[in-house]
PDB file of N, CA and C in Angstrom:
ATOM      1  N   UNK A   1      76.478 119.626 156.315  1.00  0.00           N
ATOM      2  CA  UNK A   1      75.168 120.024 155.812  1.00  0.00           C
ATOM      3  C   UNK A   1      74.131 118.976 156.218  1.00  0.00           C
ATOM      4  N   UNK A   2      73.022 119.439 156.716  1.00  0.00           N
ATOM      5  CA  UNK A   2      71.958 118.554 157.182  1.00  0.00           C
ATOM      6  C   UNK A   2      71.092 118.144 155.990  1.00  0.00           C
ATOM      7  N   UNK A   3      70.868 116.834 155.859  1.00  0.00           N
ATOM      8  CA  UNK A   3      69.998 116.338 154.792  1.00  0.00           C
ATOM      9  C   UNK A   3      68.580 116.198 155.351  1.00  0.00           C
ATOM     10  N   UNK A   4      67.660 116.908 154.758  1.00  0.00           N
ATOM     11  CA  UNK A   4      66.276 116.876 155.216  1.00  0.00           C
ATOM     12  C   UNK A   4      65.523 115.763 154.501  1.00  0.00           C
ATOM     13  N   UNK A   5      64.582 115.169 155.202  1.00  0.00           N
ATOM     14  CA  UNK A   5      63.778 114.112 154.602  1.00  0.00           C
ATOM     15  C   UNK A   5      62.681 114.720 153.741  1.00  0.00           C
ATOM     16  N   UNK A   6      62.108 113.884 152.908  1.00  0.00           N
ATOM     17  CA  UNK A   6      61.009 114.342 152.055  1.00  0.00           C
ATOM     18  C   UNK A   6      59.771 114.711 152.879  1.00  0.00           C
ATOM     19  N   UNK A   7      59.607 114.067 154.038  1.00  0.00           N
ATOM     20  CA  UNK A   7      58.466 114.395 154.899  1.00  0.00           C
ATOM     21  C   UNK A   7      58.583 115.840 155.383  1.00  0.00           C
ATOM     22  N   UNK A   8      59.782 116.218 155.818  1.00  0.00           N
ATOM     23  CA  UNK A   8      59.988 117.591 156.277  1.00  0.00           C
ATOM     24  C   UNK A   8      59.764 118.593 155.155  1.00  0.00           C
ATOM     25  N   UNK A   9      60.331 118.302 154.006  1.00  0.00           N
ATOM     26  CA  UNK A   9      60.180 119.213 152.870  1.00  0.00           C
ATOM     27  C   UNK A   9      58.737 119.265 152.377  1.00  0.00           C
ATOM     28  N   UNK A  10      58.056 118.123 152.367  1.00  0.00           N
ATOM     29  CA  UNK A  10      56.660 118.084 151.947  1.00  0.00           C
ATOM     30  C   UNK A  10      55.767 118.898 152.864  1.00  0.00           C
ATOM     31  N   UNK A  11      56.004 118.782 154.168  1.00  0.00           N
ATOM     32  CA  UNK A  11      55.210 119.568 155.120  1.00  0.00           C
ATOM     33  C   UNK A  11      55.485 121.063 154.956  1.00  0.00           C
ATOM     34  N   UNK A  12      56.749 121.410 154.720  1.00  0.00           N
ATOM     35  CA  UNK A  12      57.110 122.815 154.549  1.00  0.00           C
ATOM     36  C   UNK A  12      56.445 123.420 153.319  1.00  0.00           C
ATOM     37  N   UNK A  13      56.595 122.733 152.182  1.00  0.00           N
ATOM     38  CA  UNK A  13      55.997 123.254 150.960  1.00  0.00           C
ATOM     39  C   UNK A  13      54.469 123.186 150.999  1.00  0.00           C
ATOM     40  N   UNK A  14      53.918 122.166 151.647  1.00  0.00           N
ATOM     41  CA  UNK A  14      52.471 122.086 151.815  1.00  0.00           C
ATOM     42  C   UNK A  14      51.937 123.238 152.640  1.00  0.00           C
ATOM     43  N   UNK A  15      52.705 123.632 153.666  1.00  0.00           N
ATOM     44  CA  UNK A  15      52.293 124.767 154.483  1.00  0.00           C
ATOM     45  C   UNK A  15      52.347 126.058 153.671  1.00  0.00           C
ATOM     46  N   UNK A  16      53.402 126.227 152.873  1.00  0.00           N
ATOM     47  CA  UNK A  16      53.512 127.428 152.035  1.00  0.00           C
ATOM     48  C   UNK A  16      52.361 127.520 151.043  1.00  0.00           C
ATOM     49  N   UNK A  17      52.107 126.436 150.346  1.00  0.00           N
ATOM     50  CA  UNK A  17      51.055 126.440 149.320  1.00  0.00           C
ATOM     51  C   UNK A  17      49.675 126.563 149.968  1.00  0.00           C
ATOM     52  N   UNK A  18      49.453 125.811 151.050  1.00  0.00           N
ATOM     53  CA  UNK A  18      48.165 125.864 151.741  1.00  0.00           C
ATOM     54  C   UNK A  18      47.877 127.229 152.336  1.00  0.00           C
ATOM     55  N   UNK A  19      48.892 127.845 152.917  1.00  0.00           N
ATOM     56  CA  UNK A  19      48.658 129.167 153.498  1.00  0.00           C
ATOM     57  C   UNK A  19      48.454 130.214 152.413  1.00  0.00           C
ATOM     58  N   UNK A  20      49.139 130.066 151.287  1.00  0.00           N
ATOM     59  CA  UNK A  20      48.909 130.997 150.179  1.00  0.00           C
ATOM     60  C   UNK A  20      47.491 130.912 149.648  1.00  0.00           C
ATOM     61  N   UNK A  21      47.009 129.699 149.477  1.00  0.00           N
ATOM     62  CA  UNK A  21      45.637 129.510 149.002  1.00  0.00           C
ATOM     63  C   UNK A  21      44.635 129.972 150.056  1.00  0.00           C
ATOM     64  N   UNK A  22      44.893 129.627 151.328  1.00  0.00           N
ATOM     65  CA  UNK A  22      43.971 129.992 152.398  1.00  0.00           C
ATOM     66  C   UNK A  22      43.869 131.498 152.603  1.00  0.00           C
ATOM     67  N   UNK A  23      45.004 132.190 152.587  1.00  0.00           N
ATOM     68  CA  UNK A  23      44.979 133.639 152.777  1.00  0.00           C
ATOM     69  C   UNK A  23      44.307 134.330 151.595  1.00  0.00           C
ATOM     70  N   UNK A  24      44.589 133.846 150.387  1.00  0.00           N
ATOM     71  CA  UNK A  24      43.943 134.428 149.204  1.00  0.00           C
ATOM     72  C   UNK A  24      42.435 134.228 149.259  1.00  0.00           C
ATOM     73  N   UNK A  25      41.994 133.037 149.631  1.00  0.00           N
ATOM     74  CA  UNK A  25      40.554 132.780 149.733  1.00  0.00           C
ATOM     75  C   UNK A  25      39.929 133.607 150.851  1.00  0.00           C
ATOM     76  N   UNK A  26      40.659 133.801 151.953  1.00  0.00           N
ATOM     77  CA  UNK A  26      40.137 134.624 153.044  1.00  0.00           C
ATOM     78  C   UNK A  26      39.965 136.074 152.605  1.00  0.00           C
ATOM     79  N   UNK A  27      40.938 136.592 151.867  1.00  0.00           N
ATOM     80  CA  UNK A  27      40.852 137.981 151.408  1.00  0.00           C
ATOM     81  C   UNK A  27      39.674 138.162 150.456  1.00  0.00           C
ATOM     82  N   UNK A  28      39.432 137.176 149.604  1.00  0.00           N
ATOM     83  CA  UNK A  28      38.341 137.280 148.632  1.00  0.00           C
ATOM     84  C   UNK A  28      36.981 137.152 149.310  1.00  0.00           C
ATOM     85  N   UNK A  29      36.835 136.173 150.237  1.00  0.00           N
ATOM     86  CA  UNK A  29      35.521 135.879 150.811  1.00  0.00           C
ATOM     87  C   UNK A  29      35.297 136.466 152.203  1.00  0.00           C
ATOM     88  N   UNK A  30      36.373 136.856 152.888  1.00  0.00           N
ATOM     89  CA  UNK A  30      36.303 137.373 154.257  1.00  0.00           C
ATOM     90  C   UNK A  30      35.713 136.328 155.213  1.00  0.00           C
ATOM     91  N   UNK A  31      35.998 135.059 154.946  1.00  0.00           N
ATOM     92  CA  UNK A  31      35.548 133.941 155.773  1.00  0.00           C
ATOM     93  C   UNK A  31      36.780 133.330 156.450  1.00  0.00           C
ATOM     94  N   UNK A  32      36.860 133.429 157.771  1.00  0.00           N
ATOM     95  CA  UNK A  32      38.037 132.977 158.516  1.00  0.00           C
ATOM     96  C   UNK A  32      38.239 131.465 158.459  1.00  0.00           C
ATOM     97  N   UNK A  33      37.253 130.727 158.029  1.00  0.00           N
ATOM     98  CA  UNK A  33      37.376 129.275 157.936  1.00  0.00           C
ATOM     99  C   UNK A  33      38.461 128.858 156.940  1.00  0.00           C
ATOM    100  N   UNK A  34      38.780 129.712 156.001  1.00  0.00           N
ATOM    101  CA  UNK A  34      39.799 129.378 155.002  1.00  0.00           C
ATOM    102  C   UNK A  34      41.206 129.338 155.585  1.00  0.00           C
ATOM    103  N   UNK A  35      41.405 129.789 156.811  1.00  0.00           N
ATOM    104  CA  UNK A  35      42.720 129.670 157.439  1.00  0.00           C
ATOM    105  C   UNK A  35      43.059 128.215 157.749  1.00  0.00           C
ATOM    106  N   UNK A  36      42.077 127.342 157.776  1.00  0.00           N
ATOM    107  CA  UNK A  36      42.325 125.926 158.037  1.00  0.00           C
ATOM    108  C   UNK A  36      42.903 125.209 156.823  1.00  0.00           C
ATOM    109  N   UNK A  37      42.891 125.844 155.669  1.00  0.00           N
ATOM    110  CA  UNK A  37      43.444 125.225 154.457  1.00  0.00           C
ATOM    111  C   UNK A  37      44.933 124.953 154.644  1.00  0.00           C
ATOM    112  N   UNK A  38      45.607 125.727 155.474  1.00  0.00           N
ATOM    113  CA  UNK A  38      47.021 125.496 155.754  1.00  0.00           C
ATOM    114  C   UNK A  38      47.228 124.096 156.327  1.00  0.00           C
ATOM    115  N   UNK A  39      46.354 123.683 157.221  1.00  0.00           N
ATOM    116  CA  UNK A  39      46.448 122.344 157.799  1.00  0.00           C
ATOM    117  C   UNK A  39      46.284 121.253 156.756  1.00  0.00           C
ATOM    118  N   UNK A  40      45.382 121.456 155.809  1.00  0.00           N
ATOM    119  CA  UNK A  40      45.212 120.475 154.741  1.00  0.00           C
ATOM    120  C   UNK A  40      46.450 120.399 153.862  1.00  0.00           C
ATOM    121  N   UNK A  41      47.101 121.536 153.640  1.00  0.00           N
ATOM    122  CA  UNK A  41      48.353 121.542 152.882  1.00  0.00           C
ATOM    123  C   UNK A  41      49.444 120.767 153.589  1.00  0.00           C
ATOM    124  N   UNK A  42      49.521 120.932 154.909  1.00  0.00           N
ATOM    125  CA  UNK A  42      50.512 120.198 155.691  1.00  0.00           C
ATOM    126  C   UNK A  42      50.238 118.696 155.640  1.00  0.00           C
ATOM    127  N   UNK A  43      48.981 118.311 155.779  1.00  0.00           N
ATOM    128  CA  UNK A  43      48.614 116.891 155.734  1.00  0.00           C
ATOM    129  C   UNK A  43      48.934 116.300 154.365  1.00  0.00           C
ATOM    130  N   UNK A  44      48.616 117.039 153.308  1.00  0.00           N
ATOM    131  CA  UNK A  44      48.904 116.572 151.953  1.00  0.00           C
ATOM    132  C   UNK A  44      50.414 116.422 151.751  1.00  0.00           C
ATOM    133  N   UNK A  45      51.195 117.404 152.200  1.00  0.00           N
ATOM    134  CA  UNK A  45      52.648 117.330 152.081  1.00  0.00           C
ATOM    135  C   UNK A  45      53.238 116.199 152.898  1.00  0.00           C
ATOM    136  N   UNK A  46      52.651 115.933 154.057  1.00  0.00           N
ATOM    137  CA  UNK A  46      53.099 114.826 154.901  1.00  0.00           C
ATOM    138  C   UNK A  46      52.909 113.493 154.183  1.00  0.00           C
ATOM    139  N   UNK A  47      51.767 113.308 153.568  1.00  0.00           N
ATOM    140  CA  UNK A  47      51.496 112.065 152.845  1.00  0.00           C
ATOM    141  C   UNK A  47      52.418 111.875 151.650  1.00  0.00           C
ATOM    142  N   UNK A  48      52.601 112.930 150.864  1.00  0.00           N
ATOM    143  CA  UNK A  48      53.485 112.841 149.693  1.00  0.00           C
ATOM    144  C   UNK A  48      54.928 112.589 150.132  1.00  0.00           C
ATOM    145  N   UNK A  49      55.372 113.318 151.172  1.00  0.00           N
ATOM    146  CA  UNK A  49      56.738 113.149 151.661  1.00  0.00           C
ATOM    147  C   UNK A  49      56.990 111.758 152.207  1.00  0.00           C
ATOM    148  N   UNK A  50      56.040 111.207 152.926  1.00  0.00           N
ATOM    149  CA  UNK A  50      56.190 109.853 153.465  1.00  0.00           C
ATOM    150  C   UNK A  50      56.272 108.833 152.336  1.00  0.00           C
ATOM    151  N   UNK A  51      55.475 109.032 151.306  1.00  0.00           N
ATOM    152  CA  UNK A  51      55.519 108.130 150.159  1.00  0.00           C
ATOM    153  C   UNK A  51      56.885 108.199 149.471  1.00  0.00           C
ATOM    154  N   UNK A  52      57.418 109.401 149.288  1.00  0.00           N
ATOM    155  CA  UNK A  52      58.722 109.555 148.643  1.00  0.00           C
ATOM    156  C   UNK A  52      59.849 108.991 149.504  1.00  0.00           C
ATOM    157  N   UNK A  53      59.776 109.183 150.821  1.00  0.00           N
ATOM    158  CA  UNK A  53      60.780 108.601 151.715  1.00  0.00           C
ATOM    159  C   UNK A  53      60.764 107.075 151.654  1.00  0.00           C
ATOM    160  N   UNK A  54      59.573 106.497 151.579  1.00  0.00           N
ATOM    161  CA  UNK A  54      59.454 105.043 151.512  1.00  0.00           C
ATOM    162  C   UNK A  54      60.049 104.506 150.208  1.00  0.00           C
ATOM    163  N   UNK A  55      59.799 105.207 149.101  1.00  0.00           N
ATOM    164  CA  UNK A  55      60.368 104.794 147.824  1.00  0.00           C
ATOM    165  C   UNK A  55      61.889 104.913 147.832  1.00  0.00           C
ATOM    166  N   UNK A  56      62.410 105.986 148.430  1.00  0.00           N
ATOM    167  CA  UNK A  56      63.854 106.171 148.495  1.00  0.00           C
ATOM    168  C   UNK A  56      64.502 105.082 149.353  1.00  0.00           C
ATOM    169  N   UNK A  57      63.845 104.704 150.428  1.00  0.00           N
ATOM    170  CA  UNK A  57      64.376 103.657 151.293  1.00  0.00           C
ATOM    171  C   UNK A  57      64.420 102.320 150.551  1.00  0.00           C
ATOM    172  N   UNK A  58      63.375 102.028 149.753  1.00  0.00           N
ATOM    173  CA  UNK A  58      63.359 100.786 148.981  1.00  0.00           C
ATOM    174  C   UNK A  58      64.488 100.771 147.956  1.00  0.00           C
ATOM    175  N   UNK A  59      64.720 101.911 147.287  1.00  0.00           N
ATOM    176  CA  UNK A  59      65.791 101.987 146.277  1.00  0.00           C
ATOM    177  C   UNK A  59      67.167 101.836 146.895  1.00  0.00           C
ATOM    178  N   UNK A  60      67.357 102.378 148.108  1.00  0.00           N
ATOM    179  CA  UNK A  60      68.675 102.300 148.738  1.00  0.00           C
ATOM    180  C   UNK A  60      68.977 100.901 149.257  1.00  0.00           C
ATOM    181  N   UNK A  61      67.940 100.106 149.486  1.00  0.00           N
ATOM    182  CA  UNK A  61      68.150  98.735 149.968  1.00  0.00           C
ATOM    183  C   UNK A  61      68.532  97.771 148.855  1.00  0.00           C
ATOM    184  N   UNK A  62      68.281  98.139 147.618  1.00  0.00           N
ATOM    185  CA  UNK A  62      68.583  97.226 146.508  1.00  0.00           C
ATOM    186  C   UNK A  62      70.041  97.155 146.211  1.00  0.00           C
TER     187      UNK A  62
END
């Protein structure tokens, strides 16, 4: 079984949440600019995942 890092999981869930919010906002406003919210979700998930990976690495070194 492959163990995925928190960065990978954070980007995945960030994309899911960001695209859900972006598509919902697009349907309500009919403004295509809301499709870029997916990218912000990915960036947010990347940052959170990197932080969690760094904390896990520190704990495993102790």
